[in-house]
Amino acid sequence: MKQGLYTIRRSRALTEDIFELCLSGDTASITAPGQFVNIKVDGCFLRRPISVCDWDKESLTLVFKTVGEGTALLAGMREGGTLDLLCGLGNGFDVSRCGKKTLLLGGGLGAAPLYGLAKTLLQAGARPVAVLGFNRKEDIFYEREFRALGIETAIVTVDGSAGVKGFVTDALPDTCDVFCACGPMPMMKAVYAALPTPGFFSLEERMGCGFGACMGCSCKTKAGYQRVCKEGPVFAKEELLW
C-alpha cells in the first residue's frame, strides 16, 4: 500500500452515471488486476474505494458510478486537479491460476476491473473471452476498448436493446478453463450456480479503512470471516458459502 498525491490527466463521462478518471502518479504498489484504491474526497469523512480499471508504470485509470455525494464530487473534478490515494489495496486476480481460455464475466460497473485483467491475461499468453452485461444500451461502456484488445466480446442487455437479451448467464460460451466474475451479487450467485468450472469472484462490501484495520467489510467464507479489503476483494469459488 502506498499513499500519495495523483494528478488528474483526463476526466470524462462514459454514460449518464459512469465516469472515468485517468491519473498520473506512482503505481508501483499495484501488482495485480482487481486491486483497488481508496480516495480521499474533500468534505467526506470516509475515503471512497474504487477498483483499478487499468494501469501502467506512470498512470492508472479508474471507472466509477455516481451513487452518492463522494462519487458525485469525484465526477465533477477536472484535469490538473490532485487526489490523495491509498494505492494498491487488496488482493486481485492471480493470473497464474487462470487458464488459456479464461471467461471474463462483468455486470455493469463490474466490467471495469476486468479490462485490466484482460490485458494482463493477453500479456501472459492467454486468450480471454468477455461477456459484459448491462441493463440497457445506454448503460454500455468500454465495449470498444475490450474489442480493441482483439478478444471475443459479447454484450448482453436486460431489455434487449443491444446484443443478447437477458443476463450474462444467457451468453456463456460452451467451454472455458476458468472464469473471473465481477458485478452485482445476484449476477455472481447466478454465475456460481451456472458454471461448474473453477472461478474467481471480485466482491464488494462497504469499507471503512480499506486496508483491514476496522473489520467493517468482513464476510463469512468457508475459512471463517475474511476481510474483503484485505483477503479479498477476489475470492476463489471454493472459498464462498453460496
C-alpha atoms as a PDB file:
ATOM      1  CA  MET A   1       0.000   0.000   0.000  1.00  0.00           C
ATOM      2  CA  LYS A   2       1.198   3.481  -0.844  1.00  0.00           C
ATOM      3  CA  GLN A   3      -0.303   6.872  -0.046  1.00  0.00           C
ATOM      4  CA  GLY A   4       0.336   9.744  -2.404  1.00  0.00           C
ATOM      5  CA  LEU A   5      -0.995  12.600  -4.499  1.00  0.00           C
ATOM      6  CA  TYR A   6      -2.089  11.802  -8.039  1.00  0.00           C
ATOM      7  CA  THR A   7      -2.789  14.305 -10.809  1.00  0.00           C
ATOM      8  CA  ILE A   8      -5.911  14.068 -12.954  1.00  0.00           C
ATOM      9  CA  ARG A   9      -4.865  13.708 -16.606  1.00  0.00           C
ATOM     10  CA  ARG A  10      -8.329  13.131 -18.030  1.00  0.00           C
ATOM     11  CA  SER A  11     -11.896  13.150 -16.725  1.00  0.00           C
ATOM     12  CA  ARG A  12     -14.847  12.112 -18.858  1.00  0.00           C
ATOM     13  CA  ALA A  13     -18.350  10.712 -18.670  1.00  0.00           C
ATOM     14  CA  LEU A  14     -18.773   7.265 -20.224  1.00  0.00           C
ATOM     15  CA  THR A  15     -22.543   7.094 -19.659  1.00  0.00           C
ATOM     16  CA  GLU A  16     -25.107   9.092 -17.741  1.00  0.00           C
ATOM     17  CA  ASP A  17     -23.698   7.953 -14.392  1.00  0.00           C
ATOM     18  CA  ILE A  18     -20.419   6.165 -15.190  1.00  0.00           C
ATOM     19  CA  PHE A  19     -17.239   8.245 -15.194  1.00  0.00           C
ATOM     20  CA  GLU A  20     -13.569   7.676 -15.994  1.00  0.00           C
ATOM     21  CA  LEU A  21     -10.589   9.307 -14.304  1.00  0.00           C
ATOM     22  CA  CYS A  22      -7.066   8.885 -15.655  1.00  0.00           C
ATOM     23  CA  LEU A  23      -4.426   9.788 -13.063  1.00  0.00           C
ATOM     24  CA  SER A  24      -0.655  10.280 -13.121  1.00  0.00           C
ATOM     25  CA  GLY A  25       1.412   9.035 -10.212  1.00  0.00           C
ATOM     26  CA  ASP A  26       3.353   6.179  -8.660  1.00  0.00           C
ATOM     27  CA  THR A  27       1.701   2.846  -9.465  1.00  0.00           C
ATOM     28  CA  ALA A  28       4.446   0.537  -8.160  1.00  0.00           C
ATOM     29  CA  SER A  29       2.139  -0.740  -5.411  1.00  0.00           C
ATOM     30  CA  ILE A  30      -0.358  -2.105  -7.968  1.00  0.00           C
ATOM     31  CA  THR A  31       0.725  -5.673  -8.573  1.00  0.00           C
ATOM     32  CA  ALA A  32      -2.400  -7.443  -9.877  1.00  0.00           C
ATOM     33  CA  PRO A  33      -5.620  -6.679 -11.750  1.00  0.00           C
ATOM     34  CA  GLY A  34      -8.586  -6.412  -9.425  1.00  0.00           C
ATOM     35  CA  GLN A  35      -6.859  -4.361  -6.737  1.00  0.00           C
ATOM     36  CA  PHE A  36      -8.373  -1.037  -5.711  1.00  0.00           C
ATOM     37  CA  VAL A  37      -7.548   2.434  -4.435  1.00  0.00           C
ATOM     38  CA  ASN A  38      -9.125   4.426  -1.606  1.00  0.00           C
ATOM     39  CA  ILE A  39      -9.656   8.089  -2.453  1.00  0.00           C
ATOM     40  CA  LYS A  40      -9.867  10.982  -0.022  1.00  0.00           C
ATOM     41  CA  VAL A  41     -12.709  13.287  -1.039  1.00  0.00           C
ATOM     42  CA  ASP A  42     -12.778  16.756   0.495  1.00  0.00           C
ATOM     43  CA  GLY A  43     -15.837  17.166   2.697  1.00  0.00           C
ATOM     44  CA  CYS A  44     -16.386  13.415   3.165  1.00  0.00           C
ATOM     45  CA  PHE A  45     -15.344  11.554   6.306  1.00  0.00           C
ATOM     46  CA  LEU A  46     -14.562   8.201   4.687  1.00  0.00           C
ATOM     47  CA  ARG A  47     -12.435   7.548   1.641  1.00  0.00           C
ATOM     48  CA  ARG A  48     -14.112   6.078  -1.446  1.00  0.00           C
ATOM     49  CA  PRO A  49     -12.868   2.644  -2.622  1.00  0.00           C
ATOM     50  CA  ILE A  50     -12.681   2.295  -6.411  1.00  0.00           C
ATOM     51  CA  SER A  51     -11.280  -0.638  -8.368  1.00  0.00           C
ATOM     52  CA  VAL A  52      -8.398  -0.087 -10.753  1.00  0.00           C
ATOM     53  CA  CYS A  53      -9.535  -0.437 -14.348  1.00  0.00           C
ATOM     54  CA  ASP A  54      -6.111  -0.185 -15.959  1.00  0.00           C
ATOM     55  CA  TRP A  55      -2.584   0.950 -15.123  1.00  0.00           C
ATOM     56  CA  ASP A  56       0.970   1.276 -16.390  1.00  0.00           C
ATOM     57  CA  LYS A  57       4.212   2.458 -14.770  1.00  0.00           C
ATOM     58  CA  GLU A  58       3.153   6.091 -14.518  1.00  0.00           C
ATOM     59  CA  SER A  59      -0.649   6.211 -14.638  1.00  0.00           C
ATOM     60  CA  LEU A  60      -3.839   4.483 -13.641  1.00  0.00           C
ATOM     61  CA  THR A  61      -7.423   4.555 -14.859  1.00  0.00           C
ATOM     62  CA  LEU A  62     -10.437   4.441 -12.561  1.00  0.00           C
ATOM     63  CA  VAL A  63     -14.024   3.883 -13.660  1.00  0.00           C
ATOM     64  CA  PHE A  64     -16.785   4.523 -11.151  1.00  0.00           C
ATOM     65  CA  LYS A  65     -20.509   5.119 -10.808  1.00  0.00           C
ATOM     66  CA  THR A  66     -22.036   8.162  -9.130  1.00  0.00           C
ATOM     67  CA  VAL A  67     -24.102   6.774  -6.264  1.00  0.00           C
ATOM     68  CA  GLY A  68     -23.748   9.464  -3.596  1.00  0.00           C
ATOM     69  CA  GLU A  69     -22.077  12.667  -2.513  1.00  0.00           C
ATOM     70  CA  GLY A  70     -18.488  11.426  -2.676  1.00  0.00           C
ATOM     71  CA  THR A  71     -18.619   9.924  -6.148  1.00  0.00           C
ATOM     72  CA  ALA A  72     -20.590  12.948  -7.406  1.00  0.00           C
ATOM     73  CA  LEU A  73     -17.741  15.184  -6.218  1.00  0.00           C
ATOM     74  CA  LEU A  74     -15.217  12.934  -7.970  1.00  0.00           C
ATOM     75  CA  ALA A  75     -17.228  13.112 -11.184  1.00  0.00           C
ATOM     76  CA  GLY A  76     -17.029  16.904 -11.043  1.00  0.00           C
ATOM     77  CA  MET A  77     -13.236  17.039 -10.839  1.00  0.00           C
ATOM     78  CA  ARG A  78     -11.298  18.245 -13.850  1.00  0.00           C
ATOM     79  CA  GLU A  79      -7.876  17.883 -15.464  1.00  0.00           C
ATOM     80  CA  GLY A  80      -4.993  19.246 -13.435  1.00  0.00           C
ATOM     81  CA  GLY A  81      -6.578  18.603 -10.048  1.00  0.00           C
ATOM     82  CA  THR A  82      -4.999  16.293  -7.487  1.00  0.00           C
ATOM     83  CA  LEU A  83      -6.332  13.420  -5.416  1.00  0.00           C
ATOM     84  CA  ASP A  84      -4.972  11.762  -2.269  1.00  0.00           C
ATOM     85  CA  LEU A  85      -4.970   7.994  -2.824  1.00  0.00           C
ATOM     86  CA  LEU A  86      -4.177   4.893  -0.841  1.00  0.00           C
ATOM     87  CA  CYS A  87      -2.997   2.791  -3.760  1.00  0.00           C
ATOM     88  CA  GLY A  88      -2.520  -0.928  -4.390  1.00  0.00           C
ATOM     89  CA  LEU A  89      -5.064  -2.211  -1.867  1.00  0.00           C
ATOM     90  CA  GLY A  90      -6.449  -5.728  -1.632  1.00  0.00           C
ATOM     91  CA  ASN A  91      -5.632  -8.996  -3.367  1.00  0.00           C
ATOM     92  CA  GLY A  92      -6.520  -9.055  -7.050  1.00  0.00           C
ATOM     93  CA  PHE A  93      -6.851 -11.813  -9.638  1.00  0.00           C
ATOM     94  CA  ASP A  94      -3.984 -14.321  -9.706  1.00  0.00           C
ATOM     95  CA  VAL A  95      -3.302 -14.714 -13.426  1.00  0.00           C
ATOM     96  CA  SER A  96      -1.119 -17.772 -12.772  1.00  0.00           C
ATOM     97  CA  ARG A  97      -4.276 -19.629 -11.672  1.00  0.00           C
ATOM     98  CA  CYS A  98      -6.169 -18.755 -14.853  1.00  0.00           C
ATOM     99  CA  GLY A  99      -6.245 -20.917 -17.969  1.00  0.00           C
ATOM    100  CA  LYS A 100      -5.613 -20.306 -21.650  1.00  0.00           C
ATOM    101  CA  LYS A 101      -9.335 -19.705 -22.136  1.00  0.00           C
ATOM    102  CA  THR A 102     -10.431 -17.583 -19.202  1.00  0.00           C
ATOM    103  CA  LEU A 103     -14.013 -16.339 -19.284  1.00  0.00           C
ATOM    104  CA  LEU A 104     -14.486 -12.776 -18.035  1.00  0.00           C
ATOM    105  CA  LEU A 105     -17.994 -12.009 -16.775  1.00  0.00           C
ATOM    106  CA  GLY A 106     -18.772  -8.383 -15.958  1.00  0.00           C
ATOM    107  CA  GLY A 107     -22.076  -6.954 -14.810  1.00  0.00           C
ATOM    108  CA  GLY A 108     -22.438  -3.174 -15.137  1.00  0.00           C
ATOM    109  CA  LEU A 109     -19.608  -1.418 -13.329  1.00  0.00           C
ATOM    110  CA  GLY A 110     -18.066  -4.854 -12.742  1.00  0.00           C
ATOM    111  CA  ALA A 111     -16.738  -4.714 -16.297  1.00  0.00           C
ATOM    112  CA  ALA A 112     -14.164  -2.088 -15.276  1.00  0.00           C
ATOM    113  CA  PRO A 113     -11.572  -4.205 -13.376  1.00  0.00           C
ATOM    114  CA  LEU A 114     -11.941  -6.985 -15.948  1.00  0.00           C
ATOM    115  CA  TYR A 115     -10.447  -4.723 -18.603  1.00  0.00           C
ATOM    116  CA  GLY A 116      -7.102  -4.611 -16.798  1.00  0.00           C
ATOM    117  CA  LEU A 117      -7.392  -8.347 -16.186  1.00  0.00           C
ATOM    118  CA  ALA A 118      -7.958  -8.963 -19.906  1.00  0.00           C
ATOM    119  CA  LYS A 119      -4.799  -7.021 -20.788  1.00  0.00           C
ATOM    120  CA  THR A 120      -2.768  -8.907 -18.178  1.00  0.00           C
ATOM    121  CA  LEU A 121      -4.030 -12.270 -19.429  1.00  0.00           C
ATOM    122  CA  LEU A 122      -3.115 -11.375 -23.002  1.00  0.00           C
ATOM    123  CA  GLN A 123       0.386 -10.434 -21.877  1.00  0.00           C
ATOM    124  CA  ALA A 124       0.626 -13.861 -20.210  1.00  0.00           C
ATOM    125  CA  GLY A 125      -0.262 -15.621 -23.461  1.00  0.00           C
ATOM    126  CA  ALA A 126      -3.898 -16.433 -22.667  1.00  0.00           C
ATOM    127  CA  ARG A 127      -6.902 -15.761 -24.910  1.00  0.00           C
ATOM    128  CA  PRO A 128      -9.698 -14.473 -22.665  1.00  0.00           C
ATOM    129  CA  VAL A 129     -13.326 -14.217 -23.715  1.00  0.00           C
ATOM    130  CA  ALA A 130     -15.524 -11.467 -22.293  1.00  0.00           C
ATOM    131  CA  VAL A 131     -19.258 -11.349 -21.627  1.00  0.00           C
ATOM    132  CA  LEU A 132     -20.407  -7.930 -20.424  1.00  0.00           C
ATOM    133  CA  GLY A 133     -23.921  -7.366 -19.108  1.00  0.00           C
ATOM    134  CA  PHE A 134     -25.836  -4.105 -18.774  1.00  0.00           C
ATOM    135  CA  ASN A 135     -29.427  -3.060 -18.145  1.00  0.00           C
ATOM    136  CA  ARG A 136     -29.840  -1.229 -21.471  1.00  0.00           C
ATOM    137  CA  LYS A 137     -27.912   0.039 -24.492  1.00  0.00           C
ATOM    138  CA  GLU A 138     -27.370   3.462 -22.912  1.00  0.00           C
ATOM    139  CA  ASP A 139     -25.501   1.866 -19.984  1.00  0.00           C
ATOM    140  CA  ILE A 140     -22.828   0.158 -22.089  1.00  0.00           C
ATOM    141  CA  PHE A 141     -19.250   1.310 -21.640  1.00  0.00           C
ATOM    142  CA  TYR A 142     -15.828   0.004 -22.699  1.00  0.00           C
ATOM    143  CA  GLU A 143     -17.226  -2.313 -25.377  1.00  0.00           C
ATOM    144  CA  ARG A 144     -14.928  -0.702 -27.936  1.00  0.00           C
ATOM    145  CA  GLU A 145     -11.954  -0.946 -25.574  1.00  0.00           C
ATOM    146  CA  PHE A 146     -12.476  -4.674 -24.975  1.00  0.00           C
ATOM    147  CA  ARG A 147     -12.877  -5.367 -28.696  1.00  0.00           C
ATOM    148  CA  ALA A 148      -9.755  -3.305 -29.460  1.00  0.00           C
ATOM    149  CA  LEU A 149      -7.765  -5.842 -27.438  1.00  0.00           C
ATOM    150  CA  GLY A 150      -8.664  -8.399 -30.106  1.00  0.00           C
ATOM    151  CA  ILE A 151     -10.646 -10.659 -27.788  1.00  0.00           C
ATOM    152  CA  GLU A 152     -14.091 -12.143 -28.335  1.00  0.00           C
ATOM    153  CA  THR A 153     -16.574  -9.863 -26.566  1.00  0.00           C
ATOM    154  CA  ALA A 154     -20.304 -10.472 -26.149  1.00  0.00           C
ATOM    155  CA  ILE A 155     -22.723  -7.789 -24.971  1.00  0.00           C
ATOM    156  CA  VAL A 156     -25.890  -8.631 -23.036  1.00  0.00           C
ATOM    157  CA  THR A 157     -28.675  -6.234 -22.045  1.00  0.00           C
ATOM    158  CA  VAL A 158     -31.622  -6.932 -19.783  1.00  0.00           C
ATOM    159  CA  ASP A 159     -34.059  -5.092 -22.073  1.00  0.00           C
ATOM    160  CA  GLY A 160     -32.575  -6.498 -25.297  1.00  0.00           C
ATOM    161  CA  SER A 161     -31.715  -3.064 -26.710  1.00  0.00           C
ATOM    162  CA  ALA A 162     -28.198  -4.282 -27.607  1.00  0.00           C
ATOM    163  CA  GLY A 163     -26.575  -7.669 -28.004  1.00  0.00           C
ATOM    164  CA  VAL A 164     -28.187 -10.723 -26.408  1.00  0.00           C
ATOM    165  CA  LYS A 165     -31.333 -10.129 -24.379  1.00  0.00           C
ATOM    166  CA  GLY A 166     -31.060 -11.324 -20.790  1.00  0.00           C
ATOM    167  CA  PHE A 167     -28.199 -11.753 -18.350  1.00  0.00           C
ATOM    168  CA  VAL A 168     -24.556 -12.802 -18.651  1.00  0.00           C
ATOM    169  CA  THR A 169     -25.610 -16.388 -17.912  1.00  0.00           C
ATOM    170  CA  ASP A 170     -27.616 -16.292 -21.160  1.00  0.00           C
ATOM    171  CA  ALA A 171     -24.465 -15.766 -23.246  1.00  0.00           C
ATOM    172  CA  LEU A 172     -21.994 -18.234 -21.749  1.00  0.00           C
ATOM    173  CA  PRO A 173     -19.615 -19.966 -24.193  1.00  0.00           C
ATOM    174  CA  ASP A 174     -19.682 -23.738 -24.489  1.00  0.00           C
ATOM    175  CA  THR A 175     -16.415 -24.209 -22.614  1.00  0.00           C
ATOM    176  CA  CYS A 176     -13.871 -22.327 -20.542  1.00  0.00           C
ATOM    177  CA  ASP A 177     -10.936 -23.272 -18.326  1.00  0.00           C
ATOM    178  CA  VAL A 178     -11.583 -20.720 -15.575  1.00  0.00           C
ATOM    179  CA  PHE A 179     -13.962 -17.820 -15.096  1.00  0.00           C
ATOM    180  CA  CYS A 180     -13.498 -14.464 -13.388  1.00  0.00           C
ATOM    181  CA  ALA A 181     -16.599 -12.501 -12.422  1.00  0.00           C
ATOM    182  CA  CYS A 182     -17.358  -9.054 -11.055  1.00  0.00           C
ATOM    183  CA  GLY A 183     -20.754  -7.435 -10.734  1.00  0.00           C
ATOM    184  CA  PRO A 184     -23.939  -7.278  -8.655  1.00  0.00           C
ATOM    185  CA  MET A 185     -24.380 -10.064  -6.112  1.00  0.00           C
ATOM    186  CA  PRO A 186     -27.435 -11.649  -7.834  1.00  0.00           C
ATOM    187  CA  MET A 187     -25.431 -11.922 -11.049  1.00  0.00           C
ATOM    188  CA  MET A 188     -22.450 -13.501  -9.332  1.00  0.00           C
ATOM    189  CA  LYS A 189     -24.561 -16.022  -7.443  1.00  0.00           C
ATOM    190  CA  ALA A 190     -26.225 -16.969 -10.747  1.00  0.00           C
ATOM    191  CA  VAL A 191     -22.781 -17.469 -12.310  1.00  0.00           C
ATOM    192  CA  TYR A 192     -21.715 -19.540  -9.291  1.00  0.00           C
ATOM    193  CA  ALA A 193     -24.676 -21.866  -9.856  1.00  0.00           C
ATOM    194  CA  ALA A 194     -24.404 -21.994 -13.644  1.00  0.00           C
ATOM    195  CA  LEU A 195     -20.705 -22.764 -14.137  1.00  0.00           C
ATOM    196  CA  PRO A 196     -19.128 -25.983 -12.814  1.00  0.00           C
ATOM    197  CA  THR A 197     -15.609 -24.820 -13.715  1.00  0.00           C
ATOM    198  CA  PRO A 198     -13.170 -23.221 -11.252  1.00  0.00           C
ATOM    199  CA  GLY A 199     -13.575 -19.488 -10.911  1.00  0.00           C
ATOM    200  CA  PHE A 200     -12.920 -16.295  -9.034  1.00  0.00           C
ATOM    201  CA  PHE A 201     -15.273 -13.576  -7.809  1.00  0.00           C
ATOM    202  CA  SER A 202     -14.449  -9.965  -7.015  1.00  0.00           C
ATOM    203  CA  LEU A 203     -16.719  -8.932  -4.142  1.00  0.00           C
ATOM    204  CA  GLU A 204     -17.978  -5.555  -2.996  1.00  0.00           C
ATOM    205  CA  GLU A 205     -18.685  -4.507   0.572  1.00  0.00           C
ATOM    206  CA  ARG A 206     -18.966  -1.197   2.391  1.00  0.00           C
ATOM    207  CA  MET A 207     -15.481  -0.296   3.601  1.00  0.00           C
ATOM    208  CA  GLY A 208     -14.249   1.919   6.405  1.00  0.00           C
ATOM    209  CA  CYS A 209     -10.440   1.898   6.307  1.00  0.00           C
ATOM    210  CA  GLY A 210      -9.790  -0.121   3.126  1.00  0.00           C
ATOM    211  CA  PHE A 211      -6.725  -1.936   4.486  1.00  0.00           C
ATOM    212  CA  GLY A 212      -8.006  -4.405   7.085  1.00  0.00           C
ATOM    213  CA  ALA A 213      -7.885  -2.458  10.328  1.00  0.00           C
ATOM    214  CA  CYS A 214     -11.564  -1.822  11.041  1.00  0.00           C
ATOM    215  CA  MET A 215     -13.018  -5.255  10.055  1.00  0.00           C
ATOM    216  CA  GLY A 216     -16.112  -3.460   8.713  1.00  0.00           C
ATOM    217  CA  CYS A 217     -16.141  -5.271   5.374  1.00  0.00           C
ATOM    218  CA  SER A 218     -15.806  -8.825   6.721  1.00  0.00           C
ATOM    219  CA  CYS A 219     -17.753 -11.579   5.002  1.00  0.00           C
ATOM    220  CA  LYS A 220     -18.246 -15.195   6.024  1.00  0.00           C
ATOM    221  CA  THR A 221     -16.358 -17.797   3.998  1.00  0.00           C
ATOM    222  CA  LYS A 222     -15.593 -21.475   4.447  1.00  0.00           C
ATOM    223  CA  ALA A 223     -12.432 -20.420   6.271  1.00  0.00           C
ATOM    224  CA  GLY A 224     -14.367 -18.125   8.604  1.00  0.00           C
ATOM    225  CA  TYR A 225     -14.787 -14.380   8.391  1.00  0.00           C
ATOM    226  CA  GLN A 226     -12.433 -12.660   5.977  1.00  0.00           C
ATOM    227  CA  ARG A 227     -11.980  -9.003   5.074  1.00  0.00           C
ATOM    228  CA  VAL A 228     -12.982  -8.049   1.546  1.00  0.00           C
ATOM    229  CA  CYS A 229     -10.467  -5.193   1.576  1.00  0.00           C
ATOM    230  CA  LYS A 230      -7.559  -7.334   2.777  1.00  0.00           C
ATOM    231  CA  GLU A 231      -8.005 -11.039   1.998  1.00  0.00           C
ATOM    232  CA  GLY A 232     -10.168 -10.023  -0.986  1.00  0.00           C
ATOM    233  CA  PRO A 233     -11.723  -8.473  -2.915  1.00  0.00           C
ATOM    234  CA  VAL A 234     -11.059 -11.516  -5.104  1.00  0.00           C
ATOM    235  CA  PHE A 235     -12.027 -14.919  -3.685  1.00  0.00           C
ATOM    236  CA  ALA A 236     -11.891 -18.346  -5.293  1.00  0.00           C
ATOM    237  CA  LYS A 237     -15.224 -20.054  -5.924  1.00  0.00           C
ATOM    238  CA  GLU A 238     -14.475 -22.829  -3.468  1.00  0.00           C
ATOM    239  CA  GLU A 239     -13.982 -20.326  -0.635  1.00  0.00           C
ATOM    240  CA  LEU A 240     -17.500 -18.905  -0.812  1.00  0.00           C
ATOM    241  CA  LEU A 241     -20.591 -20.047   1.064  1.00  0.00           C
ATOM    242  CA  TRP A 242     -23.098 -19.644  -1.739  1.00  0.00           C
END
